[in-house]
């Protein structure tokens, strides 16, 4: 059997070659960070606290994982913020958007159960079972549920990307970045955002259909109409 020839990476030896390699590396880093810079700049003015976020008809809570069928601590913090906004009258309906791609994994129903246990009426909660990622959640909120204005709720490392994508989807939104312990999950989430920003920029530019679009769902409209305001 013939041996495959060995390929050796040769670094430049001349000063000019080394300078070009350095310039190329710097240019690559700049290009890689451009999407993250766009996300931050586009969304930063609309990130608020629970206490000073403007009122909106709908609060959108993005899924963040389940532990033994119940919301993870990160997701529970998001839901607690939604409960506070509802109690203070800043939102009238809560749209919970998450993954229900398997029979044994149902983020939206777990989120609904948590909210009702903390005082949000079931009639004020609408489930989106196909929020498989942030773009799908934003696109479906606008195209399937008819959401035009919303308060988005997520952790600080994710909220800016959610705002940028919901704006691209046609939603006028402000975001609440809830506090989180700076643990391994927090640092991993922050690092992931650098790479996820590239996909977000592409989604904002192309605006693809979500993986599952489906027909119009009137749940948000009915809940708002029943509110009588």
Protein backbone atom coordinates (compact mmCIF):
# COMPACT_ATOMS: atom_id res chain seq x y z
CA UNK A 1 0.00 0.00 0.00
CA UNK A 2 1.41 3.33 -1.05
CA UNK A 3 2.06 5.75 1.75
CA UNK A 4 0.26 9.04 1.74
CA UNK A 5 2.65 11.96 1.39
CA UNK A 6 3.10 13.99 4.55
CA UNK A 7 1.89 17.55 4.37
CA UNK A 8 3.91 19.97 6.44
CA UNK A 9 2.73 23.44 7.29
CA UNK A 10 5.51 25.89 6.58
CA UNK A 11 5.49 29.20 8.34
CA UNK A 12 6.96 32.18 6.54
CA UNK A 13 10.57 32.87 7.33
CA UNK A 14 10.95 36.33 5.85
CA UNK A 15 9.92 39.46 7.73
CA UNK A 16 7.53 40.37 4.94
CA UNK A 17 5.91 36.95 5.05
CA UNK A 18 5.51 37.05 8.81
CA UNK A 19 3.93 40.50 8.56
CA UNK A 20 1.43 39.27 6.00
CA UNK A 21 0.58 36.27 8.19
CA UNK A 22 -0.02 38.56 11.16
CA UNK A 23 -2.14 40.93 9.09
CA UNK A 24 -4.20 38.00 7.83
CA UNK A 25 -4.72 36.70 11.35
CA UNK A 26 -5.81 40.13 12.59
CA UNK A 27 -8.18 40.54 9.62
CA UNK A 28 -9.68 37.13 10.33
CA UNK A 29 -10.29 38.02 13.97
CA UNK A 30 -11.91 41.32 13.01
CA UNK A 31 -14.21 39.63 10.52
CA UNK A 32 -15.14 36.97 13.08
CA UNK A 33 -16.08 39.63 15.64
CA UNK A 34 -18.09 41.84 13.29
CA UNK A 35 -21.39 39.93 13.81
CA UNK A 36 -21.00 40.10 17.59
CA UNK A 37 -20.29 43.83 17.33
CA UNK A 38 -23.42 44.29 15.20
CA UNK A 39 -25.56 42.37 17.71
CA UNK A 40 -24.28 44.43 20.61
CA UNK A 41 -24.62 47.80 18.87
CA UNK A 42 -28.07 47.05 17.45
CA UNK A 43 -29.60 45.87 20.71
CA UNK A 44 -27.76 47.63 23.54
CA UNK A 45 -30.13 50.67 23.74
CA UNK A 46 -33.11 48.37 24.25
CA UNK A 47 -31.80 46.29 27.15
CA UNK A 48 -33.52 47.29 30.39
CA UNK A 49 -34.20 46.07 33.92
CA UNK A 50 -37.57 44.72 35.02
CA UNK A 51 -38.21 47.98 36.83
CA UNK A 52 -37.70 50.34 33.89
CA UNK A 53 -38.64 48.31 30.83
CA UNK A 54 -41.56 49.87 28.88
CA UNK A 55 -44.92 48.13 28.92
CA UNK A 56 -45.88 45.85 26.03
CA UNK A 57 -48.81 43.55 25.28
CA UNK A 58 -46.67 40.40 25.30
CA UNK A 59 -43.70 39.02 27.22
CA UNK A 60 -41.64 36.42 25.34
CA UNK A 61 -39.73 33.92 27.47
CA UNK A 62 -37.14 31.83 25.61
CA UNK A 63 -36.52 28.24 26.69
CA UNK A 64 -33.29 27.42 28.53
CA UNK A 65 -33.43 23.73 29.29
CA UNK A 66 -35.20 21.40 31.72
CA UNK A 67 -33.89 19.47 34.70
CA UNK A 68 -35.92 16.31 35.29
CA UNK A 69 -38.88 17.86 33.48
CA UNK A 70 -38.77 21.17 35.36
CA UNK A 71 -37.27 24.52 34.33
CA UNK A 72 -33.53 24.76 34.86
CA UNK A 73 -32.36 27.50 37.26
CA UNK A 74 -31.55 29.72 34.28
CA UNK A 75 -35.03 29.24 32.84
CA UNK A 76 -36.65 29.72 36.25
CA UNK A 77 -34.98 33.12 36.55
CA UNK A 78 -36.45 34.12 33.20
CA UNK A 79 -39.90 32.97 34.26
CA UNK A 80 -39.62 34.83 37.57
CA UNK A 81 -39.04 38.04 35.60
CA UNK A 82 -42.14 37.32 33.51
CA UNK A 83 -44.18 36.79 36.69
CA UNK A 84 -43.00 40.13 38.04
CA UNK A 85 -43.81 41.94 34.80
CA UNK A 86 -47.31 40.42 34.77
CA UNK A 87 -47.98 41.28 38.41
CA UNK A 88 -46.91 44.87 37.81
CA UNK A 89 -49.21 45.16 34.79
CA UNK A 90 -46.39 45.75 32.32
CA UNK A 91 -47.41 42.78 30.16
CA UNK A 92 -50.78 41.17 29.62
CA UNK A 93 -49.85 37.88 27.94
CA UNK A 94 -46.81 35.63 28.28
CA UNK A 95 -45.65 33.70 25.21
CA UNK A 96 -43.43 30.79 26.25
CA UNK A 97 -41.33 29.56 23.35
CA UNK A 98 -39.19 26.46 23.46
CA UNK A 99 -38.42 22.97 22.25
CA UNK A 100 -41.00 20.19 22.12
CA UNK A 101 -39.39 18.13 19.36
CA UNK A 102 -39.60 14.94 21.46
CA UNK A 103 -42.44 13.39 23.43
CA UNK A 104 -40.26 13.27 26.56
CA UNK A 105 -39.07 16.88 26.34
CA UNK A 106 -41.58 19.73 26.57
CA UNK A 107 -40.16 23.12 27.49
CA UNK A 108 -43.31 25.20 26.86
CA UNK A 109 -45.59 23.09 29.07
CA UNK A 110 -43.00 23.06 31.86
CA UNK A 111 -42.79 26.84 31.58
CA UNK A 112 -46.58 27.16 31.66
CA UNK A 113 -46.80 25.00 34.78
CA UNK A 114 -44.17 27.13 36.52
CA UNK A 115 -45.96 30.37 35.64
CA UNK A 116 -49.37 29.17 36.80
CA UNK A 117 -47.89 28.00 40.11
CA UNK A 118 -46.54 31.51 40.58
CA UNK A 119 -49.82 33.27 39.91
CA UNK A 120 -50.05 33.88 36.17
CA UNK A 121 -53.49 32.73 34.93
CA UNK A 122 -53.39 29.93 32.39
CA UNK A 123 -55.59 32.03 30.11
CA UNK A 124 -52.75 34.57 29.89
CA UNK A 125 -50.10 32.04 28.79
CA UNK A 126 -49.60 30.94 25.18
CA UNK A 127 -47.31 28.07 24.18
CA UNK A 128 -45.04 28.02 21.15
CA UNK A 129 -43.93 24.40 20.85
CA UNK A 130 -41.57 24.98 17.88
CA UNK A 131 -39.17 27.59 19.23
CA UNK A 132 -36.19 25.42 18.34
CA UNK A 133 -33.74 28.33 18.30
CA UNK A 134 -33.82 32.09 18.77
CA UNK A 135 -34.58 32.91 15.14
CA UNK A 136 -37.40 30.38 14.98
CA UNK A 137 -38.91 31.82 18.18
CA UNK A 138 -38.77 35.39 16.86
CA UNK A 139 -40.00 34.54 13.37
CA UNK A 140 -42.86 32.41 14.66
CA UNK A 141 -43.87 35.02 17.24
CA UNK A 142 -44.40 37.50 14.41
CA UNK A 143 -45.63 35.27 11.59
CA UNK A 144 -47.60 32.61 13.48
CA UNK A 145 -48.77 34.40 16.65
CA UNK A 146 -49.03 37.94 15.25
CA UNK A 147 -46.83 39.55 17.91
CA UNK A 148 -45.85 43.12 16.98
CA UNK A 149 -44.64 44.48 20.33
CA UNK A 150 -43.02 42.50 23.12
CA UNK A 151 -40.72 42.43 26.09
CA UNK A 152 -38.13 39.70 25.60
CA UNK A 153 -36.75 37.87 28.63
CA UNK A 154 -33.46 35.99 28.73
CA UNK A 155 -30.04 36.05 30.41
CA UNK A 156 -27.77 39.00 29.75
CA UNK A 157 -25.43 37.07 27.47
CA UNK A 158 -28.33 36.11 25.15
CA UNK A 159 -30.78 39.01 25.30
CA UNK A 160 -29.01 41.23 22.73
CA UNK A 161 -29.04 38.51 20.08
CA UNK A 162 -32.72 37.88 20.81
CA UNK A 163 -33.45 41.59 20.40
CA UNK A 164 -31.54 41.85 17.14
CA UNK A 165 -33.31 38.83 15.67
CA UNK A 166 -36.78 39.85 16.81
CA UNK A 167 -36.22 43.28 15.28
CA UNK A 168 -35.23 41.57 12.02
CA UNK A 169 -38.42 39.48 12.28
CA UNK A 170 -40.55 42.63 12.54
CA UNK A 171 -41.15 42.88 16.30
CA UNK A 172 -40.74 46.14 18.18
CA UNK A 173 -39.13 44.86 21.37
CA UNK A 174 -37.28 45.74 24.52
CA UNK A 175 -35.34 43.15 26.45
CA UNK A 176 -34.85 42.23 30.09
CA UNK A 177 -31.50 40.59 30.79
CA UNK A 178 -32.04 38.72 34.05
CA UNK A 179 -29.23 38.16 36.53
CA UNK A 180 -27.39 34.86 36.59
CA UNK A 181 -24.64 33.28 38.64
CA UNK A 182 -21.35 33.54 36.75
CA UNK A 183 -20.77 29.82 36.71
CA UNK A 184 -19.49 27.48 34.00
CA UNK A 185 -22.84 27.66 32.19
CA UNK A 186 -22.73 31.45 32.15
CA UNK A 187 -19.21 31.59 30.71
CA UNK A 188 -20.02 28.88 28.17
CA UNK A 189 -23.12 30.81 27.12
CA UNK A 190 -21.12 34.00 26.70
CA UNK A 191 -18.50 32.25 24.58
CA UNK A 192 -21.20 30.60 22.49
CA UNK A 193 -22.70 33.98 21.67
CA UNK A 194 -19.57 35.01 19.76
CA UNK A 195 -20.12 32.13 17.34
CA UNK A 196 -23.93 32.34 17.38
CA UNK A 197 -23.75 35.98 16.30
CA UNK A 198 -22.53 34.91 12.87
CA UNK A 199 -25.60 32.75 12.35
CA UNK A 200 -27.77 35.55 13.73
CA UNK A 201 -26.37 38.05 11.23
CA UNK A 202 -27.07 35.60 8.40
CA UNK A 203 -30.63 35.01 9.63
CA UNK A 204 -31.25 38.74 9.89
CA UNK A 205 -30.00 39.23 6.34
CA UNK A 206 -31.73 36.27 4.68
CA UNK A 207 -34.75 36.00 7.02
CA UNK A 208 -35.45 32.32 6.34
CA UNK A 209 -38.66 30.60 7.28
CA UNK A 210 -38.48 28.79 10.63
CA UNK A 211 -38.02 25.04 10.54
CA UNK A 212 -41.71 24.62 11.30
CA UNK A 213 -43.94 27.50 10.31
CA UNK A 214 -47.44 26.11 10.40
CA UNK A 215 -50.74 28.02 10.24
CA UNK A 216 -51.65 31.18 12.10
CA UNK A 217 -52.37 30.57 15.79
CA UNK A 218 -54.80 33.03 17.46
CA UNK A 219 -53.81 32.30 21.08
CA UNK A 220 -52.13 35.65 21.71
CA UNK A 221 -54.90 37.62 20.01
CA UNK A 222 -57.60 35.80 22.00
CA UNK A 223 -55.82 36.33 25.30
CA UNK A 224 -55.41 40.05 24.60
CA UNK A 225 -59.04 40.38 23.47
CA UNK A 226 -60.25 38.64 26.62
CA UNK A 227 -58.28 41.15 28.66
CA UNK A 228 -60.64 43.86 27.43
CA UNK A 229 -57.98 46.53 26.93
